[in-house]
Amino acid sequence: MRGAAVSLLATAAVLLSSTCDAFSLSKQQQHHHVVNIRPSYASIRQQELYYPHHINRSNDNDVSLRRKNLLAMTGGDGSGPSSSTTSFKQDIYNVVTLIGAQALLIPIAIFIAKFLNLPNSGLGAEFQMKGAILDGVKFTLPLFGIAGLLRLVEPYSNALQNVTKATQRSVLSVLGSTRRPFFALFVSCILGAIAGIGEEWLFRGVFQELLSQKFQSPSLSLALSGLVFGLLHAVTPVYAILAGAASVFFGYLYIISHNLAVPMITHAVYDVFALMWAHISVTALEKFKISSISSFSNAV
């Protein structure tokens, strides 16, 4: 029965990963965040003033028509509010869809835990929030330290640059190319919380616990759960390695604390800051760089 349960868990994880990957790819293809650089009304007028020999003054109606077309194309005032409104609605749709897909991890974890008769629906017998918040936040410090070191090495590593581009591309597909700090923080908190709860519940509370019971080896259960977690996050090869290492760290926190709430909080807090950092950094780029990131292709 345990062997069948392992197969069921692996199948559920792979199916969910495939669903999320398909969603991500489809949104990247459908999302209209590839930057279209349009001339402003001011730039047209500047050309008329400084390069009058380029303008056919024999027909002033042509100049007037150009101006009207420009205003219509940019929403009436050159700033493009119509395009921004459409883009924001698309962002909302993407966020809601992604949250729904990510939230599926929770009922999947509960279902498998009930099927396997794991204690407390997979949360573990010692699950509690008391003291877990402080410990969870404290354990984010090593993650932020490693992230900082990787940022220092990144200019010298194409593989790490691809990890950043892949992350920024995903953030663009969800949060858009316009900097909206309050909206981004709100979405990051929701996605971070759901990822922290759902992924830790499924991979640590259920999968790692099942492996520990089967092989009676914490080290082996850490390695196998980290391997699976990394493969399901194989956006790029290095991304998979980093995700697998993070999984081992979260699993280690569960082993030493005996409280699933600790890795849940660590995972959630780190994700919130990582999403916000990616949003701020990518929206600070020039438009042609944002466009390049939007069309970035993985080399898995």
Protein backbone atom coordinates (compact mmCIF):
# COMPACT_ATOMS: atom_id res chain seq x y z
CA MET A 1 0.00 0.00 0.00
CA ARG A 2 2.90 2.35 0.76
CA GLY A 3 4.37 1.74 -2.68
CA ALA A 4 1.04 2.57 -4.29
CA ALA A 5 0.83 5.70 -2.16
CA VAL A 6 4.26 6.83 -3.32
CA SER A 7 3.18 6.36 -6.92
CA LEU A 8 -0.02 8.28 -6.27
CA LEU A 9 1.86 11.15 -4.68
CA ALA A 10 4.44 11.33 -7.44
CA THR A 11 1.74 11.22 -10.12
CA ALA A 12 -0.25 13.99 -8.42
CA ALA A 13 2.85 16.18 -8.10
CA VAL A 14 3.86 15.67 -11.73
CA LEU A 15 0.35 16.37 -12.99
CA LEU A 16 0.12 19.53 -10.92
CA SER A 17 3.54 20.68 -12.08
CA SER A 18 2.56 20.07 -15.70
CA THR A 19 -0.64 22.08 -15.20
CA CYS A 20 1.26 25.00 -13.66
CA ASP A 21 3.93 24.91 -16.38
CA ALA A 22 1.29 24.87 -19.10
CA PHE A 23 -0.45 27.81 -17.45
CA SER A 24 2.81 29.72 -17.19
CA LEU A 25 3.72 29.14 -20.83
CA SER A 26 0.26 30.02 -22.09
CA LYS A 27 0.21 33.24 -20.10
CA GLN A 28 3.63 34.21 -21.37
CA GLN A 29 2.37 33.74 -24.91
CA GLN A 30 -0.97 35.48 -24.34
CA HIS A 31 0.14 38.30 -22.09
CA HIS A 32 0.55 41.63 -23.83
CA HIS A 33 3.53 42.92 -21.93
CA VAL A 34 5.93 42.99 -24.84
CA VAL A 35 6.71 46.66 -24.94
CA ASN A 36 5.55 48.62 -27.95
CA ILE A 37 7.54 51.83 -28.18
CA ARG A 38 5.37 54.50 -29.77
CA PRO A 39 6.31 58.09 -30.57
CA SER A 40 4.72 60.63 -28.27
CA TYR A 41 2.85 63.67 -29.43
CA ALA A 42 5.71 65.81 -28.13
CA SER A 43 8.26 63.90 -30.19
CA ILE A 44 6.17 64.37 -33.36
CA ARG A 45 5.88 68.08 -32.65
CA GLN A 46 9.62 68.32 -32.00
CA GLN A 47 10.35 66.75 -35.37
CA GLU A 48 8.10 69.31 -37.05
CA LEU A 49 9.95 72.20 -35.36
CA TYR A 50 13.54 71.03 -35.85
CA TYR A 51 13.21 69.23 -39.16
CA PRO A 52 10.69 71.28 -41.13
CA HIS A 53 12.17 70.15 -44.46
CA HIS A 54 10.97 66.59 -43.63
CA ILE A 55 7.36 67.74 -43.35
CA ASN A 56 5.22 68.23 -46.41
CA ARG A 57 3.72 71.64 -45.68
CA SER A 58 1.78 71.60 -48.94
CA ASN A 59 -0.85 69.56 -47.20
CA ASP A 60 -1.46 70.56 -43.58
CA ASN A 61 -4.26 68.02 -43.40
CA ASP A 62 -1.64 65.23 -43.48
CA VAL A 63 0.05 66.66 -40.39
CA SER A 64 -3.27 67.02 -38.60
CA LEU A 65 -4.19 63.46 -39.52
CA ARG A 66 -0.92 62.15 -38.14
CA ARG A 67 -1.58 63.90 -34.83
CA LYS A 68 -5.11 62.53 -34.58
CA ASN A 69 -3.94 59.01 -35.33
CA LEU A 70 -1.24 59.32 -32.69
CA LEU A 71 -3.69 60.48 -30.05
CA ALA A 72 -6.14 57.70 -30.93
CA MET A 73 -3.36 55.12 -30.78
CA THR A 74 -2.19 56.26 -27.32
CA GLY A 75 -5.62 56.63 -25.75
CA GLY A 76 -6.26 60.32 -26.38
CA ASP A 77 -3.52 62.02 -24.38
CA GLY A 78 -0.37 60.21 -25.48
CA SER A 79 -0.08 58.23 -22.26
CA GLY A 80 -1.99 55.16 -23.36
CA PRO A 81 -4.58 54.73 -20.55
CA SER A 82 -6.68 52.33 -22.59
CA SER A 83 -3.74 49.99 -23.04
CA SER A 84 -2.86 50.28 -19.35
CA THR A 85 -6.40 49.41 -18.31
CA THR A 86 -6.44 46.34 -20.53
CA SER A 87 -3.03 45.29 -19.26
CA PHE A 88 -4.08 45.64 -15.62
CA LYS A 89 -7.19 43.54 -16.20
CA GLN A 90 -4.99 40.86 -17.78
CA ASP A 91 -2.69 41.00 -14.74
CA ILE A 92 -5.66 40.48 -12.41
CA TYR A 93 -6.82 37.49 -14.45
CA ASN A 94 -3.32 35.96 -14.43
CA VAL A 95 -2.96 36.46 -10.67
CA VAL A 96 -6.32 34.86 -9.86
CA THR A 97 -5.62 31.91 -12.15
CA LEU A 98 -2.15 31.33 -10.72
CA ILE A 99 -3.40 31.57 -7.13
CA GLY A 100 -6.10 29.03 -7.93
CA ALA A 101 -3.59 26.64 -9.51
CA GLN A 102 -1.15 26.99 -6.62
CA ALA A 103 -3.91 26.53 -4.04
CA LEU A 104 -4.68 23.09 -5.49
CA LEU A 105 -1.62 21.81 -3.62
CA ILE A 106 -3.48 22.09 -0.32
CA PRO A 107 -6.46 19.79 -1.07
CA ILE A 108 -4.09 17.38 -2.85
CA ALA A 109 -1.91 17.22 0.28
CA ILE A 110 -4.95 16.70 2.52
CA PHE A 111 -6.38 13.99 0.28
CA ILE A 112 -3.12 12.00 0.17
CA ALA A 113 -2.54 12.47 3.92
CA LYS A 114 -6.04 11.14 4.67
CA PHE A 115 -5.44 8.24 2.31
CA LEU A 116 -2.20 7.39 4.14
CA ASN A 117 -3.60 8.08 7.61
CA LEU A 118 -0.87 10.60 8.35
CA PRO A 119 -1.30 12.52 11.63
CA ASN A 120 -3.16 15.83 11.58
CA SER A 121 -3.94 15.56 7.85
CA GLY A 122 -0.24 15.69 7.02
CA LEU A 123 0.58 18.72 9.17
CA GLY A 124 2.26 16.51 11.76
CA ALA A 125 1.42 15.79 15.37
CA GLU A 126 3.46 18.73 16.68
CA PHE A 127 2.17 21.42 14.33
CA GLN A 128 1.69 24.74 16.11
CA MET A 129 2.08 28.43 15.33
CA LYS A 130 3.44 29.38 18.75
CA GLY A 131 7.10 30.30 18.32
CA ALA A 132 7.02 29.21 14.67
CA ILE A 133 6.68 32.72 13.25
CA LEU A 134 9.86 34.00 14.88
CA ASP A 135 11.80 30.85 14.03
CA GLY A 136 10.50 30.85 10.46
CA VAL A 137 11.55 34.46 9.87
CA LYS A 138 14.93 33.82 11.49
CA PHE A 139 15.67 30.91 9.16
CA THR A 140 15.17 33.13 6.10
CA LEU A 141 18.49 34.85 6.89
CA PRO A 142 20.68 32.05 5.43
CA LEU A 143 18.53 32.09 2.28
CA PHE A 144 18.89 35.85 1.86
CA GLY A 145 22.62 35.55 2.52
CA ILE A 146 23.04 32.94 -0.22
CA ALA A 147 20.85 35.00 -2.57
CA GLY A 148 23.10 37.99 -1.96
CA LEU A 149 26.23 35.98 -2.74
CA LEU A 150 24.66 34.68 -5.94
CA ARG A 151 23.90 38.26 -6.99
CA LEU A 152 27.60 39.08 -6.64
CA VAL A 153 28.58 36.10 -8.78
CA GLU A 154 25.79 36.54 -11.33
CA PRO A 155 27.60 39.04 -13.63
CA TYR A 156 30.22 36.33 -14.27
CA SER A 157 27.76 33.44 -14.82
CA ASN A 158 25.43 33.09 -17.78
CA ALA A 159 23.61 30.27 -15.98
CA LEU A 160 22.73 32.52 -13.03
CA GLN A 161 21.74 35.31 -15.41
CA ASN A 162 19.32 32.89 -17.06
CA VAL A 163 17.84 32.07 -13.64
CA THR A 164 17.20 35.78 -13.06
CA LYS A 165 15.73 36.25 -16.53
CA ALA A 166 13.43 33.26 -16.11
CA THR A 167 12.27 34.57 -12.73
CA GLN A 168 11.71 38.08 -14.07
CA ARG A 169 9.83 36.72 -17.08
CA SER A 170 7.47 34.83 -14.78
CA VAL A 171 6.96 37.93 -12.65
CA LEU A 172 6.26 40.00 -15.77
CA SER A 173 3.61 37.50 -16.87
CA VAL A 174 1.83 37.87 -13.52
CA LEU A 175 2.51 41.38 -12.21
CA GLY A 176 3.10 43.15 -15.52
CA SER A 177 5.79 45.54 -16.71
CA THR A 178 4.40 48.59 -14.90
CA ARG A 179 5.67 49.19 -11.38
CA ARG A 180 2.74 48.96 -8.96
CA PRO A 181 4.32 48.46 -5.52
CA PHE A 182 1.13 48.10 -3.46
CA PHE A 183 -0.51 45.76 -5.94
CA ALA A 184 2.75 43.77 -6.23
CA LEU A 185 3.10 43.53 -2.44
CA PHE A 186 -0.51 42.37 -2.06
CA VAL A 187 -0.11 39.70 -4.74
CA SER A 188 3.32 38.64 -3.46
CA CYS A 189 1.96 38.12 0.05
CA ILE A 190 -0.89 35.96 -1.24
CA LEU A 191 1.28 33.90 -3.60
CA GLY A 192 4.04 33.57 -1.00
CA ALA A 193 1.62 32.38 1.66
CA ILE A 194 -0.10 29.87 -0.61
CA ALA A 195 3.23 28.53 -1.94
CA GLY A 196 4.67 28.27 1.57
CA ILE A 197 1.64 26.46 2.94
CA GLY A 198 0.81 24.28 -0.05
CA GLU A 199 4.29 23.20 -1.11
CA GLU A 200 5.51 22.51 2.42
CA TRP A 201 2.33 20.63 3.28
CA LEU A 202 2.66 18.39 0.23
CA PHE A 203 6.43 17.95 -0.06
CA ARG A 204 7.50 18.06 3.59
CA GLY A 205 4.39 17.11 5.56
CA VAL A 206 3.31 14.33 3.22
CA PHE A 207 6.03 13.31 0.76
CA GLN A 208 9.06 13.62 3.05
CA GLU A 209 7.17 12.01 5.93
CA LEU A 210 6.17 9.12 3.71
CA LEU A 211 9.75 8.63 2.54
CA SER A 212 11.02 8.74 6.14
CA GLN A 213 8.57 6.03 7.16
CA LYS A 214 9.41 3.89 4.15
CA PHE A 215 13.23 4.08 4.23
CA GLN A 216 13.80 4.94 7.92
CA SER A 217 16.47 7.39 6.80
CA PRO A 218 16.08 11.17 7.23
CA SER A 219 19.04 11.83 4.93
CA LEU A 220 17.60 9.72 2.12
CA SER A 221 14.15 11.27 2.51
CA LEU A 222 15.72 14.75 2.32
CA ALA A 223 17.68 13.86 -0.80
CA LEU A 224 14.76 12.24 -2.63
CA SER A 225 12.24 14.96 -1.77
CA GLY A 226 14.81 17.61 -2.78
CA LEU A 227 15.42 15.83 -6.09
CA VAL A 228 11.70 15.67 -6.91
CA PHE A 229 11.14 19.27 -5.83
CA GLY A 230 14.03 20.46 -7.98
CA LEU A 231 12.84 18.55 -11.05
CA LEU A 232 9.36 20.03 -10.69
CA HIS A 233 10.94 23.50 -10.64
CA ALA A 234 13.25 22.90 -13.60
CA VAL A 235 12.75 26.29 -15.23
CA THR A 236 16.47 26.15 -16.06
CA PRO A 237 19.04 23.55 -14.98
CA VAL A 238 20.57 25.86 -12.34
CA TYR A 239 17.11 26.91 -11.19
CA ALA A 240 16.32 23.22 -10.57
CA ILE A 241 19.52 22.81 -8.53
CA LEU A 242 18.77 25.90 -6.42
CA ALA A 243 15.16 24.81 -5.87
CA GLY A 244 16.33 21.33 -4.85
CA ALA A 245 18.82 22.81 -2.38
CA ALA A 246 16.08 25.03 -0.92
CA SER A 247 13.88 21.95 -0.57
CA VAL A 248 16.59 20.16 1.39
CA PHE A 249 16.90 23.21 3.66
CA PHE A 250 13.14 23.35 4.27
CA GLY A 251 13.10 19.63 4.95
CA TYR A 252 15.95 20.00 7.41
CA LEU A 253 14.00 22.71 9.25
CA TYR A 254 11.08 20.30 9.54
CA ILE A 255 13.31 17.57 10.95
CA ILE A 256 14.98 19.72 13.60
CA SER A 257 11.84 21.63 14.62
CA HIS A 258 9.28 18.79 14.31
CA ASN A 259 6.87 21.60 13.40
CA LEU A 260 5.76 22.03 9.79
CA ALA A 261 4.77 25.64 10.51
CA VAL A 262 8.46 26.63 10.66
CA PRO A 263 9.41 25.73 7.04
CA MET A 264 6.01 27.01 5.90
CA ILE A 265 6.76 30.48 7.28
CA THR A 266 10.37 30.46 6.09
CA HIS A 267 9.27 29.49 2.58
CA ALA A 268 6.46 32.05 2.49
CA VAL A 269 8.51 34.99 3.79
CA TYR A 270 11.36 34.30 1.40
CA ASP A 271 8.99 34.02 -1.57
CA VAL A 272 7.33 37.35 -0.73
CA PHE A 273 10.64 39.19 -0.70
CA ALA A 274 11.90 37.35 -3.79
CA LEU A 275 8.78 38.26 -5.79
CA MET A 276 8.94 41.89 -4.70
CA TRP A 277 12.63 42.12 -5.54
CA ALA A 278 12.05 40.61 -8.98
CA HIS A 279 9.15 43.01 -9.65
CA ILE A 280 11.12 46.09 -8.59
CA SER A 281 14.27 45.08 -10.46
CA VAL A 282 12.55 44.19 -13.74
CA THR A 283 10.32 47.27 -13.83
CA ALA A 284 13.43 49.44 -13.38
CA LEU A 285 14.88 48.19 -16.65
CA GLU A 286 14.69 50.00 -19.96
CA LYS A 287 11.78 49.07 -22.18
CA PHE A 288 13.83 47.17 -24.75
CA LYS A 289 15.35 45.03 -21.97
CA ILE A 290 11.89 44.26 -20.57
CA SER A 291 10.80 43.23 -24.05
CA SER A 292 13.85 40.96 -24.34
CA ILE A 293 13.09 39.31 -20.99
CA SER A 294 9.46 38.78 -21.98
CA SER A 295 10.62 36.76 -24.99
CA PHE A 296 13.40 34.95 -23.09
CA SER A 297 13.53 31.24 -23.89
CA ASN A 298 14.76 28.66 -21.39
CA ALA A 299 17.66 26.42 -22.18
CA VAL A 300 16.64 23.41 -20.08
